Amino acid sequence: MVVQQHGHPGDSAKISARRAAAAVAVASLVAGVSGCGGGAEAGDRNADPTQAVREAPDRLVREGSSQARTSMEMASGGTRVTVKGEGAYDYREGIGELKVQLPKDAAGAQEHRPITELLAPGALFMKNRGSGVPADKWVRVDTASLTDGNLVTGGATDPLAAAELLRGARQVTYVGQSEVEGVRTRHYRGSVDLTAAAKAASAGNKGALAAAAKGFGKEPVAFDVYLDDDGLIRKLRHRFAFANGQQKKEVASTTLLYGFGKPVRVRLPDKKDIFAGKVAEE
């Protein structure tokens, strides 16, 4: 038996209108939920790994400062040495201070004094570096004059310069979640086009990175970077390769960042405190 229900001719139109309104409301709700759960506010970095990585240097500058630990592993022939550093960096001013510890000599007979390095836009100041330099004097190096732009020369990569290399990131992939020093991070991997990084760098690093692009050539620099939920770099590792005469050298530079936002006080040397003579290699 079929039961027919009779109603006003306008009832079907009203029902259709109510259904359309309900559909619009549901669509708006879904869009709102999508926006709150990992969209622009939370930073859904998995959606565009390249953008997330390239924006990391600016995120550091907005944060202001951090503590830093560095490690540089150098391999040449059958020899491998590691240089370690520790200090703090002000990303807004582009200055920082690291205590860099050189490894013992191959025979293990000599323990080097830690080198104090002051990092500044376009310049590197070093104390306890080079034979014949008085203990109270600093050695100043123009980073744009170095063939590697001081990415490896000083035994520690300037944390801001290391981050700014990511402005030239290419072929970036999201590897997965990882933990760095107890902090949950997103791990990305890719390569750096040094020329592109130099063009996009801040004024203080542009000259040094341009020198590095020329010195290292067109060979891309591989990197791994670990960003926390706020987009801050927690760990950054670059792998450089270059020829030194007949030998090929490989350098892996790792930077760990932590203690964000703490005040950093760095006093650059006065002109009278800078060594004016010739520095002999140790």
Protein backbone atom coordinates (compact mmCIF):
# COMPACT_ATOMS: atom_id res chain seq x y z
CA MET A 1 0.00 0.00 0.00
CA VAL A 2 1.34 3.37 -0.95
CA VAL A 3 0.50 6.25 1.32
CA GLN A 4 0.59 9.65 -0.29
CA GLN A 5 1.26 12.67 1.87
CA HIS A 6 -0.20 15.91 0.75
CA GLY A 7 1.19 19.29 1.61
CA HIS A 8 1.40 22.84 0.49
CA PRO A 9 3.09 23.29 -2.94
CA GLY A 10 5.76 25.51 -1.35
CA ASP A 11 6.84 22.90 1.21
CA SER A 12 9.33 21.18 -1.13
CA ALA A 13 10.98 24.49 -1.96
CA LYS A 14 11.34 25.27 1.75
CA ILE A 15 12.89 21.87 2.44
CA SER A 16 15.38 22.35 -0.42
CA ALA A 17 16.31 25.75 0.94
CA ARG A 18 16.86 24.34 4.45
CA ARG A 19 19.04 21.54 3.05
CA ALA A 20 21.13 24.03 1.07
CA ALA A 21 21.60 26.18 4.15
CA ALA A 22 22.64 23.14 6.18
CA ALA A 23 25.16 22.14 3.51
CA VAL A 24 26.70 25.61 3.55
CA ALA A 25 26.96 25.52 7.37
CA VAL A 26 28.67 22.10 7.31
CA ALA A 27 31.10 23.26 4.62
CA SER A 28 31.95 26.36 6.68
CA LEU A 29 32.50 24.27 9.80
CA VAL A 30 34.82 21.87 7.97
CA ALA A 31 36.80 24.79 6.56
CA GLY A 32 37.06 26.32 10.03
CA VAL A 33 38.30 23.09 11.59
CA SER A 34 40.86 22.65 8.80
CA GLY A 35 42.13 26.18 9.40
CA CYS A 36 42.61 25.58 13.13
CA GLY A 37 44.28 22.20 13.00
CA GLY A 38 47.66 22.76 11.38
CA GLY A 39 46.92 25.43 8.81
CA ALA A 40 48.66 28.78 8.55
CA GLU A 41 48.57 29.39 12.30
CA ALA A 42 50.07 26.07 13.37
CA GLY A 43 52.23 25.79 10.28
CA ASP A 44 51.39 22.67 8.28
CA ARG A 45 54.94 22.36 7.07
CA ASN A 46 54.48 18.94 5.57
CA ALA A 47 52.31 20.51 2.85
CA ASP A 48 55.20 22.57 1.43
CA PRO A 49 58.59 21.41 2.76
CA THR A 50 60.55 23.86 0.61
CA GLN A 51 58.66 26.88 1.95
CA ALA A 52 59.00 25.69 5.55
CA VAL A 53 62.77 25.33 5.18
CA ARG A 54 63.30 28.62 3.34
CA GLU A 55 61.34 30.52 5.99
CA ALA A 56 63.41 29.12 8.87
CA PRO A 57 66.07 31.91 8.83
CA ASP A 58 63.42 34.62 9.18
CA ARG A 59 61.84 32.69 12.03
CA LEU A 60 65.18 32.76 13.89
CA VAL A 61 65.45 36.51 13.41
CA ARG A 62 61.94 37.02 14.81
CA GLU A 63 62.85 34.88 17.83
CA GLY A 64 65.90 37.06 18.44
CA SER A 65 68.60 34.85 19.95
CA SER A 66 69.65 31.38 21.07
CA GLN A 67 72.41 29.33 22.57
CA ALA A 68 74.39 27.23 20.10
CA ARG A 69 76.61 24.16 19.98
CA THR A 70 78.63 23.42 16.87
CA SER A 71 80.54 20.45 15.57
CA MET A 72 82.67 20.30 12.45
CA GLU A 73 83.97 16.97 11.18
CA MET A 74 86.68 17.13 8.55
CA ALA A 75 87.92 14.18 6.50
CA SER A 76 90.97 14.32 4.25
CA GLY A 77 92.59 11.15 3.04
CA GLY A 78 92.45 8.71 5.92
CA THR A 79 92.38 11.39 8.62
CA ARG A 80 89.24 12.61 10.38
CA VAL A 81 89.18 15.37 12.98
CA THR A 82 86.36 17.08 14.88
CA VAL A 83 86.25 20.69 16.04
CA LYS A 84 83.61 21.63 18.64
CA GLY A 85 82.23 24.98 19.70
CA GLU A 86 79.71 26.46 22.09
CA GLY A 87 78.25 29.91 22.63
CA ALA A 88 75.35 32.23 21.87
CA TYR A 89 74.02 34.25 18.95
CA ASP A 90 71.89 37.37 18.41
CA TYR A 91 70.11 36.89 15.06
CA ARG A 92 68.72 40.40 14.88
CA GLU A 93 72.13 42.02 15.24
CA GLY A 94 73.94 39.24 13.35
CA ILE A 95 76.57 38.85 16.07
CA GLY A 96 77.60 35.98 18.30
CA GLU A 97 80.39 34.45 20.35
CA LEU A 98 81.70 30.89 20.27
CA LYS A 99 84.42 29.09 22.19
CA VAL A 100 85.97 26.70 19.69
CA GLN A 101 88.09 23.76 20.81
CA LEU A 102 90.59 22.38 18.30
CA PRO A 103 91.45 18.68 18.46
CA LYS A 104 94.79 17.40 19.71
CA ASP A 105 97.61 16.93 17.25
CA ALA A 106 97.74 13.60 15.46
CA ALA A 107 100.23 12.33 18.04
CA GLY A 108 97.94 13.53 20.82
CA ALA A 109 100.82 15.42 22.41
CA GLN A 110 99.51 18.97 22.27
CA GLU A 111 96.31 20.37 23.74
CA HIS A 112 95.25 23.57 22.01
CA ARG A 113 93.83 26.52 23.92
CA PRO A 114 90.19 27.23 23.08
CA ILE A 115 89.77 29.86 20.38
CA THR A 116 87.32 32.66 21.14
CA GLU A 117 85.45 33.63 17.99
CA LEU A 118 83.31 36.73 17.65
CA LEU A 119 80.97 36.57 14.66
CA ALA A 120 79.75 39.78 13.06
CA PRO A 121 78.33 40.86 9.70
CA GLY A 122 81.17 40.49 7.20
CA ALA A 123 83.82 39.80 9.84
CA LEU A 124 85.28 37.10 12.07
CA PHE A 125 87.37 38.03 15.13
CA MET A 126 89.55 35.36 16.73
CA LYS A 127 91.63 35.26 19.90
CA ASN A 128 94.26 32.55 20.53
CA ARG A 129 94.43 31.83 16.83
CA GLY A 130 97.71 31.94 14.91
CA SER A 131 101.34 31.85 15.99
CA GLY A 132 103.00 35.13 16.92
CA VAL A 133 99.78 36.89 17.91
CA PRO A 134 99.95 38.45 21.40
CA ALA A 135 97.58 36.87 23.92
CA ASP A 136 95.60 40.10 24.35
CA LYS A 137 95.12 40.76 20.62
CA TRP A 138 92.41 39.74 18.20
CA VAL A 139 92.80 38.62 14.60
CA ARG A 140 90.19 40.09 12.24
CA VAL A 141 89.22 38.32 9.02
CA ASP A 142 87.01 39.72 6.28
CA THR A 143 84.69 36.77 5.62
CA ALA A 144 84.01 37.86 2.03
CA SER A 145 87.75 37.46 1.34
CA LEU A 146 87.69 33.75 2.24
CA THR A 147 87.11 31.28 -0.59
CA ASP A 148 84.57 29.42 1.54
CA GLY A 149 82.95 32.55 3.01
CA ASN A 150 83.95 31.27 6.48
CA LEU A 151 81.53 28.36 6.27
CA VAL A 152 84.35 26.05 7.37
CA THR A 153 87.53 28.14 7.83
CA GLY A 154 86.86 29.15 11.43
CA GLY A 155 86.11 25.60 12.53
CA ALA A 156 82.47 26.52 13.19
CA THR A 157 79.81 27.74 10.79
CA ASP A 158 78.24 31.04 11.80
CA PRO A 159 74.73 29.98 12.98
CA LEU A 160 72.97 32.71 11.02
CA ALA A 161 75.01 31.97 7.88
CA ALA A 162 74.21 28.28 8.28
CA ALA A 163 70.51 29.13 8.49
CA GLU A 164 70.66 31.53 5.55
CA LEU A 165 72.00 28.77 3.33
CA LEU A 166 68.49 27.35 3.54
CA ARG A 167 67.23 30.29 1.49
CA GLY A 168 68.71 28.43 -1.48
CA ALA A 169 67.07 25.11 -0.56
CA ARG A 170 66.21 22.79 -3.44
CA GLN A 171 64.66 19.32 -3.78
CA VAL A 172 63.40 19.42 -0.19
CA THR A 173 61.61 16.36 1.18
CA TYR A 174 59.89 15.76 4.50
CA VAL A 175 61.61 12.78 6.15
CA GLY A 176 59.39 12.42 9.22
CA GLN A 177 59.18 13.30 12.88
CA SER A 178 62.28 13.11 15.04
CA GLU A 179 63.42 14.16 18.49
CA VAL A 180 66.30 16.57 19.09
CA GLU A 181 67.46 17.09 22.67
CA GLY A 182 64.04 16.01 23.92
CA VAL A 183 62.13 18.33 21.56
CA ARG A 184 59.74 17.00 18.91
CA THR A 185 60.81 18.14 15.45
CA ARG A 186 60.07 17.72 11.76
CA HIS A 187 63.03 16.45 9.78
CA TYR A 188 63.62 17.81 6.26
CA ARG A 189 66.34 16.91 3.77
CA GLY A 190 67.51 18.58 0.58
CA SER A 191 70.33 20.45 -1.11
CA VAL A 192 71.44 24.08 -1.23
CA ASP A 193 72.10 26.13 -4.34
CA LEU A 194 74.81 28.43 -2.97
CA THR A 195 74.33 31.06 -5.66
CA ALA A 196 70.61 31.28 -4.92
CA ALA A 197 71.30 31.40 -1.18
CA ALA A 198 73.78 34.27 -1.63
CA LYS A 199 71.28 36.29 -3.70
CA ALA A 200 68.55 35.84 -1.07
CA ALA A 201 70.81 36.38 1.98
CA SER A 202 70.66 39.33 4.35
CA ALA A 203 73.06 42.22 3.76
CA GLY A 204 75.47 41.01 6.45
CA ASN A 205 75.92 37.57 4.88
CA LYS A 206 75.53 38.35 1.19
CA GLY A 207 79.24 38.93 0.51
CA ALA A 208 80.44 35.87 2.43
CA LEU A 209 77.92 33.52 0.81
CA ALA A 210 78.73 34.93 -2.63
CA ALA A 211 82.39 34.08 -1.95
CA ALA A 212 81.35 30.58 -0.85
CA ALA A 213 79.29 30.09 -4.01
CA LYS A 214 82.36 30.95 -6.07
CA GLY A 215 84.76 28.90 -3.96
CA PHE A 216 82.70 25.71 -3.76
CA GLY A 217 81.53 25.92 -7.36
CA LYS A 218 78.17 24.71 -8.63
CA GLU A 219 78.17 21.51 -6.58
CA PRO A 220 75.07 21.58 -4.33
CA VAL A 221 75.51 21.33 -0.57
CA ALA A 222 73.43 18.58 1.09
CA PHE A 223 71.59 19.42 4.30
CA ASP A 224 69.35 17.98 7.00
CA VAL A 225 67.33 20.37 9.14
CA TYR A 226 65.06 19.72 12.11
CA LEU A 227 62.33 22.29 12.84
CA ASP A 228 60.22 22.34 16.00
CA ASP A 229 56.48 23.05 16.13
CA ASP A 230 57.20 26.80 16.11
CA GLY A 231 59.32 26.55 12.96
CA LEU A 232 62.57 27.13 14.86
CA ILE A 233 65.73 25.34 13.78
CA ARG A 234 66.80 22.86 16.45
CA LYS A 235 69.45 21.05 14.43
CA LEU A 236 71.08 21.82 11.10
CA ARG A 237 73.69 19.78 9.30
CA HIS A 238 75.47 20.69 6.05
CA ARG A 239 77.90 18.54 4.09
CA PHE A 240 80.52 20.39 2.06
CA ALA A 241 83.00 18.89 -0.41
CA PHE A 242 85.86 20.70 -2.11
CA ALA A 243 89.23 20.02 -3.69
CA ASN A 244 92.47 20.94 -1.91
CA GLY A 245 95.23 20.36 -4.43
CA GLN A 246 95.09 16.70 -5.36
CA GLN A 247 92.99 15.79 -2.34
CA LYS A 248 89.26 15.97 -1.89
CA LYS A 249 88.10 17.23 1.48
CA GLU A 250 84.73 16.57 3.02
CA VAL A 251 83.37 18.66 5.88
CA ALA A 252 80.18 18.05 7.86
CA SER A 253 79.05 21.05 9.89
CA THR A 254 76.37 20.52 12.55
CA THR A 255 74.68 23.29 14.55
CA LEU A 256 72.39 22.67 17.53
CA LEU A 257 70.22 25.58 18.72
CA TYR A 258 68.45 25.85 22.08
CA GLY A 259 67.73 28.36 24.88
CA PHE A 260 65.89 30.73 22.55
CA GLY A 261 65.14 34.31 23.55
CA LYS A 262 67.80 34.72 26.24
CA PRO A 263 69.80 37.99 26.16
CA VAL A 264 73.12 37.77 24.28
CA ARG A 265 75.85 40.29 25.02
CA VAL A 266 78.77 40.44 22.59
CA ARG A 267 81.34 43.23 22.64
CA LEU A 268 83.36 43.52 19.46
CA PRO A 269 87.06 44.45 19.84
CA ASP A 270 88.26 48.02 19.61
CA LYS A 271 90.54 48.85 16.72
CA LYS A 272 93.54 49.12 19.07
CA ASP A 273 92.97 45.53 20.20
CA ILE A 274 93.21 44.05 16.70
CA PHE A 275 96.55 42.54 15.65
CA ALA A 276 98.01 44.38 12.65
CA GLY A 277 100.89 42.02 11.86
CA LYS A 278 101.17 38.88 9.77
CA VAL A 279 99.54 35.79 11.25
CA ALA A 280 101.52 32.55 10.97
CA GLU A 281 99.70 29.26 10.58
CA GLU A 282 99.82 26.95 13.60
